[in-house]
Protein backbone atom coordinates (compact mmCIF):
# COMPACT_ATOMS: atom_id res chain seq x y z
CA MET A 1 -18.07 25.51 -9.98
CA LYS A 2 -17.91 22.47 -7.71
CA ALA A 3 -14.40 21.01 -7.62
CA GLU A 4 -14.16 17.61 -9.33
CA SER A 5 -10.87 15.86 -10.11
CA LEU A 6 -12.15 13.14 -12.44
CA ARG A 7 -15.21 11.42 -13.82
CA TRP A 8 -16.08 8.42 -15.95
CA ASP A 9 -17.76 9.22 -19.25
CA SER A 10 -20.12 6.25 -19.53
CA ARG A 11 -21.42 7.35 -22.91
CA ASN A 12 -18.02 7.21 -24.63
CA GLY A 13 -16.22 4.88 -22.26
CA ASN A 14 -13.44 7.33 -21.38
CA LEU A 15 -11.87 8.73 -18.24
CA VAL A 16 -12.13 12.52 -18.06
CA LEU A 17 -9.62 14.38 -15.88
CA LEU A 18 -9.60 17.99 -14.76
CA ASP A 19 -6.19 19.30 -15.82
CA GLN A 20 -4.93 20.67 -12.51
CA LYS A 21 -1.82 22.13 -14.13
CA CYS A 22 -4.06 24.79 -15.71
CA LEU A 23 -5.88 25.91 -12.57
CA PRO A 24 -6.93 28.47 -11.51
CA SER A 25 -6.67 30.47 -14.72
CA GLU A 26 -8.25 27.84 -16.99
CA VAL A 27 -10.66 24.96 -16.46
CA ARG A 28 -9.53 22.34 -18.96
CA TRP A 29 -10.55 18.68 -19.25
CA VAL A 30 -8.33 15.87 -20.54
CA VAL A 31 -9.91 12.78 -22.09
CA CYS A 32 -8.06 9.49 -21.59
CA SER A 33 -9.02 6.61 -23.88
CA ASP A 34 -6.28 4.15 -22.87
CA HIS A 35 -4.25 3.32 -19.77
CA SER A 36 -1.02 4.88 -21.10
CA GLU A 37 -2.74 8.28 -21.29
CA VAL A 38 -3.86 7.83 -17.68
CA ALA A 39 -0.30 6.96 -16.65
CA LYS A 40 1.09 10.05 -18.35
CA SER A 41 -1.57 12.20 -16.68
CA ILE A 42 -0.52 10.87 -13.26
CA GLU A 43 3.17 11.46 -14.00
CA ASN A 44 2.73 15.03 -15.24
CA MET A 45 0.26 15.83 -12.42
CA THR A 46 -2.76 16.51 -14.59
CA VAL A 47 -4.36 14.45 -11.83
CA ARG A 48 -2.70 14.43 -8.40
CA GLY A 49 -3.43 13.68 -4.78
CA ALA A 50 -3.03 10.22 -3.26
CA PRO A 51 -6.68 9.05 -3.39
CA ALA A 52 -7.32 10.61 -6.81
CA ILE A 53 -4.38 8.92 -8.54
CA GLY A 54 -5.50 5.58 -7.11
CA ILE A 55 -8.98 6.08 -8.54
CA ALA A 56 -7.54 7.24 -11.87
CA ALA A 57 -5.35 4.14 -12.05
CA ALA A 58 -8.39 1.93 -11.38
CA TYR A 59 -10.21 3.49 -14.33
CA GLY A 60 -7.03 3.16 -16.40
CA MET A 61 -7.14 -0.58 -15.87
CA VAL A 62 -10.74 -0.58 -17.10
CA LEU A 63 -9.51 1.04 -20.32
CA ALA A 64 -6.84 -1.66 -20.62
CA ALA A 65 -9.46 -4.38 -20.20
CA ARG A 66 -11.63 -2.80 -22.87
CA GLY A 67 -8.74 -2.97 -25.34
CA GLY A 68 -7.58 -6.48 -24.43
CA GLY A 69 -7.86 -9.32 -21.95
CA LEU A 70 -6.35 -10.19 -18.60
CA GLU A 71 -2.80 -9.91 -19.90
CA SER A 72 -3.46 -6.32 -20.99
CA VAL A 73 -4.76 -5.53 -17.52
CA ARG A 74 -1.62 -6.97 -15.93
CA GLU A 75 0.56 -4.92 -18.28
CA SER A 76 -1.39 -1.78 -17.46
CA ALA A 77 -0.90 -2.45 -13.75
CA GLU A 78 2.87 -2.45 -14.21
CA ARG A 79 2.80 0.79 -16.20
CA LEU A 80 0.51 2.58 -13.77
CA ALA A 81 2.49 1.39 -10.73
CA ALA A 82 5.63 2.97 -12.22
CA THR A 83 4.15 6.48 -12.31
CA ARG A 84 4.67 7.80 -8.78
CA PRO A 85 6.31 5.85 -5.93
CA THR A 86 5.26 7.54 -2.68
CA ALA A 87 1.46 7.48 -2.42
CA VAL A 88 0.36 4.03 -1.28
CA ASN A 89 -3.26 4.56 -2.45
CA LEU A 90 -2.03 4.04 -6.02
CA PHE A 91 -0.71 0.55 -5.29
CA TRP A 92 -3.69 -0.29 -3.09
CA ALA A 93 -6.09 0.48 -5.92
CA ILE A 94 -4.01 -1.35 -8.54
CA ASN A 95 -3.79 -4.48 -6.38
CA ARG A 96 -7.52 -4.39 -5.68
CA MET A 97 -8.28 -4.15 -9.39
CA LEU A 98 -5.87 -7.01 -10.18
CA GLU A 99 -7.53 -9.22 -7.60
CA THR A 100 -10.91 -8.40 -9.11
CA ALA A 101 -9.64 -9.19 -12.61
CA GLU A 102 -8.22 -12.55 -11.53
CA ARG A 103 -11.54 -13.71 -10.11
CA ALA A 104 -13.80 -12.09 -12.71
CA PRO A 105 -16.74 -14.33 -13.68
CA SER A 106 -16.88 -15.56 -17.26
CA SER A 107 -20.55 -14.56 -17.49
CA VAL A 108 -19.68 -10.87 -17.97
CA THR A 109 -16.90 -9.08 -19.80
CA LEU A 110 -13.72 -8.29 -17.92
CA ALA A 111 -14.13 -4.57 -18.67
CA GLU A 112 -17.62 -4.54 -17.14
CA THR A 113 -16.38 -6.28 -14.01
CA LEU A 114 -13.49 -3.86 -13.61
CA LEU A 115 -15.65 -0.81 -14.29
CA ASP A 116 -17.98 -1.85 -11.48
CA GLU A 117 -15.00 -2.18 -9.15
CA ALA A 118 -13.45 1.15 -10.19
CA MET A 119 -16.76 2.91 -9.61
CA ARG A 120 -16.99 1.21 -6.23
CA ILE A 121 -13.51 2.45 -5.30
CA HIS A 122 -14.50 5.95 -6.41
CA ALA A 123 -17.75 5.96 -4.42
CA GLU A 124 -16.10 4.47 -1.33
CA ASP A 125 -13.54 7.28 -1.34
CA VAL A 126 -16.22 9.96 -1.35
CA ASP A 127 -18.07 8.19 1.47
CA ALA A 128 -14.83 7.84 3.46
CA ASN A 129 -14.07 11.54 3.04
CA ARG A 130 -17.49 12.54 4.31
CA ALA A 131 -17.17 10.18 7.28
CA MET A 132 -13.75 11.49 8.30
CA GLY A 133 -15.02 15.03 7.81
CA LEU A 134 -17.70 14.43 10.42
CA PHE A 135 -15.25 12.82 12.84
CA GLY A 136 -12.65 15.52 12.29
CA GLN A 137 -14.87 18.57 12.55
CA GLU A 138 -15.61 17.63 16.16
CA LEU A 139 -11.99 18.52 16.95
CA LEU A 140 -12.48 22.12 15.81
CA PRO A 141 -13.99 24.90 17.98
CA ARG A 142 -17.14 26.72 16.91
CA LYS A 143 -15.07 29.63 15.63
CA CYS A 144 -11.56 28.93 14.41
CA ALA A 145 -8.78 29.59 11.92
CA VAL A 146 -7.02 26.62 10.38
CA LEU A 147 -3.85 26.31 8.32
CA SER A 148 -3.45 23.70 5.60
CA HIS A 149 -0.50 22.74 3.41
CA CYS A 150 -0.80 21.59 -0.23
CA ASN A 151 -4.18 20.43 -1.52
CA ALA A 152 -6.08 17.64 0.24
CA GLY A 153 -9.49 18.62 -1.01
CA ALA A 154 -11.97 17.46 -3.62
CA LEU A 155 -9.29 17.93 -6.29
CA ALA A 156 -7.01 15.40 -4.59
CA THR A 157 -9.69 12.77 -4.01
CA GLY A 158 -12.80 11.23 -5.50
CA GLY A 159 -14.73 14.18 -4.05
CA TYR A 160 -15.24 16.29 -0.88
CA GLY A 161 -11.66 15.97 0.36
CA THR A 162 -9.73 14.78 3.40
CA ALA A 163 -8.14 17.76 5.16
CA LEU A 164 -10.41 20.20 3.35
CA GLY A 165 -13.28 17.78 3.91
CA MET A 166 -12.89 18.42 7.65
CA ILE A 167 -13.19 22.14 6.95
CA ARG A 168 -16.23 21.64 4.72
CA SER A 169 -17.88 19.45 7.35
CA ALA A 170 -17.21 21.99 10.10
CA ARG A 171 -19.02 24.68 8.11
CA GLU A 172 -21.89 22.30 7.36
CA GLN A 173 -22.22 21.84 11.13
CA GLY A 174 -22.60 25.59 11.56
CA LYS A 175 -19.04 26.40 12.58
CA GLU A 176 -17.25 29.55 11.45
CA VAL A 177 -13.94 28.60 9.83
CA ARG A 178 -11.30 30.88 8.35
CA VAL A 179 -8.64 29.16 6.25
CA PHE A 180 -4.97 29.98 5.76
CA LEU A 181 -3.18 28.15 2.96
CA ASP A 182 0.54 27.76 2.44
CA GLU A 183 1.29 28.43 -1.22
CA THR A 184 3.17 25.07 -1.26
CA ARG A 185 6.25 25.47 -3.39
CA PRO A 186 7.31 24.61 -6.01
CA LEU A 187 4.03 23.75 -7.80
CA LEU A 188 1.78 25.96 -5.63
CA GLN A 189 -0.93 23.40 -4.90
CA GLY A 190 -2.11 25.52 -1.98
CA ALA A 191 -2.20 28.83 -3.83
CA ARG A 192 -3.53 27.43 -7.10
CA LEU A 193 -5.75 24.51 -6.08
CA SER A 194 -6.89 24.67 -2.46
CA ALA A 195 -7.51 28.42 -2.69
CA TRP A 196 -9.50 27.96 -5.90
CA GLU A 197 -11.77 25.18 -4.69
CA LEU A 198 -12.48 26.79 -1.30
CA ALA A 199 -13.00 30.27 -2.73
CA GLU A 200 -15.47 28.79 -5.24
CA GLU A 201 -17.51 27.63 -2.24
CA GLY A 202 -17.38 30.97 -0.44
CA PHE A 203 -14.84 30.23 2.30
CA GLU A 204 -12.77 33.05 3.76
CA VAL A 205 -9.33 32.12 2.42
CA THR A 206 -5.92 33.73 2.86
CA VAL A 207 -2.84 32.47 1.00
CA ILE A 208 0.58 32.86 2.61
CA CYS A 209 4.09 32.05 1.43
CA ASP A 210 5.45 28.83 2.94
CA GLY A 211 7.99 30.76 4.98
CA MET A 212 5.26 32.85 6.67
CA ALA A 213 3.62 30.01 8.62
CA GLY A 214 5.77 30.48 11.73
CA ALA A 215 5.09 34.21 11.91
CA LEU A 216 1.37 33.59 11.51
CA MET A 217 1.40 31.07 14.36
CA LYS A 218 3.41 33.37 16.58
CA LYS A 219 0.72 36.04 16.13
CA GLY A 220 -1.84 33.58 17.51
CA GLU A 221 -3.75 33.45 14.23
CA VAL A 222 -3.86 29.64 13.86
CA ASP A 223 -6.05 27.36 15.99
CA ALA A 224 -5.28 24.10 14.18
CA VAL A 225 -3.24 22.69 11.31
CA ILE A 226 -4.91 20.12 9.06
CA VAL A 227 -3.09 18.23 6.30
CA GLY A 228 -3.57 15.12 4.21
CA ALA A 229 -1.12 12.25 3.69
CA ASP A 230 0.28 10.10 0.91
CA ARG A 231 1.50 7.17 3.02
CA ILE A 232 1.21 6.46 6.75
CA ALA A 233 3.52 3.92 8.38
CA SER A 234 2.52 1.53 11.17
CA ASN A 235 3.98 3.78 13.86
CA GLY A 236 2.29 6.97 12.58
CA ASP A 237 5.21 8.50 10.68
CA PHE A 238 3.74 9.83 7.45
CA ALA A 239 4.72 11.26 4.08
CA ASN A 240 3.03 14.32 2.67
CA LYS A 241 3.87 17.18 0.33
CA ILE A 242 7.32 18.68 0.90
CA GLY A 243 7.16 21.33 3.61
CA THR A 244 4.71 19.45 5.82
CA TYR A 245 7.45 18.44 8.27
CA GLY A 246 8.42 22.07 8.81
CA VAL A 247 4.81 23.07 9.45
CA ALA A 248 4.48 20.25 12.00
CA VAL A 249 7.61 21.41 13.85
CA LEU A 250 6.27 24.96 13.95
CA ALA A 251 2.88 23.79 15.22
CA ALA A 252 4.55 21.84 18.03
CA GLU A 253 6.66 24.86 18.97
CA HIS A 254 3.55 27.02 19.25
CA GLY A 255 1.32 24.46 20.96
CA ILE A 256 -1.07 24.19 18.03
CA PRO A 257 -2.82 20.86 17.33
CA PHE A 258 -1.61 19.17 14.15
CA TYR A 259 -4.16 16.86 12.49
CA VAL A 260 -3.77 14.43 9.59
CA ALA A 261 -6.86 13.35 7.62
CA ALA A 262 -6.55 10.36 5.30
CA PRO A 263 -8.57 7.29 4.28
CA LEU A 264 -7.64 3.78 5.37
CA SER A 265 -6.13 3.16 1.92
CA THR A 266 -3.33 5.57 2.89
CA PHE A 267 -2.25 3.47 5.88
CA ASP A 268 0.59 1.11 4.98
CA THR A 269 0.96 -1.43 7.78
CA SER A 270 3.58 -3.33 5.78
CA ILE A 271 6.20 -0.78 6.82
CA ALA A 272 7.31 -0.07 10.37
CA SER A 273 8.26 3.61 10.13
CA GLY A 274 8.78 6.57 7.86
CA GLU A 275 12.33 5.43 7.14
CA ASP A 276 10.81 2.80 4.84
CA ILE A 277 8.87 5.29 2.70
CA THR A 278 10.24 5.92 -0.78
CA ILE A 279 10.38 9.65 -1.49
CA GLU A 280 9.79 10.72 -5.07
CA GLU A 281 12.23 13.24 -6.52
CA ARG A 282 10.87 15.29 -9.39
CA ASP A 283 12.40 17.14 -12.31
CA GLU A 284 14.64 20.01 -11.18
CA GLU A 285 13.01 22.21 -13.82
CA GLU A 286 10.04 22.66 -11.46
CA ILE A 287 12.37 24.74 -9.27
CA ARG A 288 14.86 26.00 -11.84
CA ALA A 289 12.26 27.93 -13.85
CA LEU A 290 11.64 31.37 -12.30
CA PRO A 291 8.86 33.93 -12.87
CA GLY A 292 9.22 36.15 -15.91
CA GLY A 293 10.96 33.47 -17.97
CA LYS A 294 14.17 33.65 -15.91
CA ARG A 295 16.05 30.60 -14.61
CA ILE A 296 18.32 29.54 -11.80
CA PRO A 297 21.81 29.25 -13.37
CA ASP A 298 22.60 25.75 -14.64
CA LYS A 299 25.80 25.65 -12.55
CA VAL A 300 23.68 25.89 -9.38
CA ARG A 301 22.43 22.56 -8.07
CA VAL A 302 18.72 21.95 -7.43
CA TRP A 303 17.14 19.38 -5.09
CA ASN A 304 13.44 18.69 -5.61
CA PRO A 305 11.88 16.01 -3.37
CA ALA A 306 8.11 15.92 -3.78
CA PHE A 307 7.46 14.79 -0.20
CA ASP A 308 8.93 14.74 3.28
CA VAL A 309 8.28 12.51 6.28
CA THR A 310 6.83 13.85 9.52
CA PRO A 311 7.48 11.81 12.69
CA ALA A 312 4.47 10.48 14.56
CA ARG A 313 5.33 12.37 17.76
CA LEU A 314 4.37 15.64 16.04
CA VAL A 315 0.86 14.42 15.11
CA THR A 316 -1.94 15.28 17.53
CA ALA A 317 -4.37 12.87 15.86
CA PHE A 318 -5.09 10.96 12.67
CA ILE A 319 -8.63 11.07 11.32
CA CYS A 320 -9.93 8.40 8.95
CA GLU A 321 -13.36 6.98 8.11
CA LYS A 322 -13.19 4.75 11.21
CA GLY A 323 -12.63 7.57 13.70
CA VAL A 324 -9.94 9.60 15.47
CA PHE A 325 -6.64 8.06 16.60
CA ARG A 326 -4.24 9.76 19.01
CA PHE A 327 -0.57 9.29 19.88
CA PRO A 328 1.03 6.81 20.51
CA PHE A 329 0.04 5.11 17.29
CA ASP A 330 0.24 1.45 16.30
CA PHE A 331 -1.81 0.88 13.17
CA ARG A 332 -0.93 -2.81 12.98
CA LYS A 333 -3.59 -3.53 15.63
């Protein structure tokens, strides 16, 4: 099946989310009929990925408008903004929807106005992904092997994908691309999600443990690393799924280009550097639970940051819907 993270059910007026916690063993859909259900789905990672949670939040505000007026929309914005702190796309989408609500014409219902805007945000994300895919694929040779970390594909976006969108676009341009995927501990977004959506489309995919990336690079098996991002500072420092920083260091050590694909909504020019990015820390149970029902002993401490920050000097280029940007970066221009 074609990977799809979310869709609006126009017949019933609900947001329908693909439950990514169940993949790849089960394809299960979650129906959200109010904004609180959307918020819970973002928190528990039913829907995840920076662009996708922004789109989901936009639709959540539509549901709030359907159940009440402008005050309900404002309340929903506060609840949705409290779900996950790192990805800036979430706050970008919420603010855009609030601005739309504040200037909504009286000639149409608030819910209709916000639904139009949410659908516009959704469609713009897909268009942006396809544009950056075309820009990014030009950086890849005709025959190559790429490594990606986490999931920055159709499942993490409105459709097509950012990092995986570059890979899709390369194949559409006739290039031969093999893909290596870090499993991406602790929630295995690479092994469960990226592998599933690429394998469904017939890509040659190999999953490796996170700790194997260096050995793979040393063997000369990787031509490029491509990742997504959750927030990009003015100077090019960026936050992405935990483990990205280590992959970037390894790529630099082995002389492998390290590319970051993300839409303009991921660029946060209000902050100067990665030191200003808030890093979400998640429940230690995600690490404490072991295969086979076993557990790490309670007396052993667990640290579970969801993201890390990679310094700009390790990034070969950023790719967005406006083109390719190379070091040194200054996104305030």
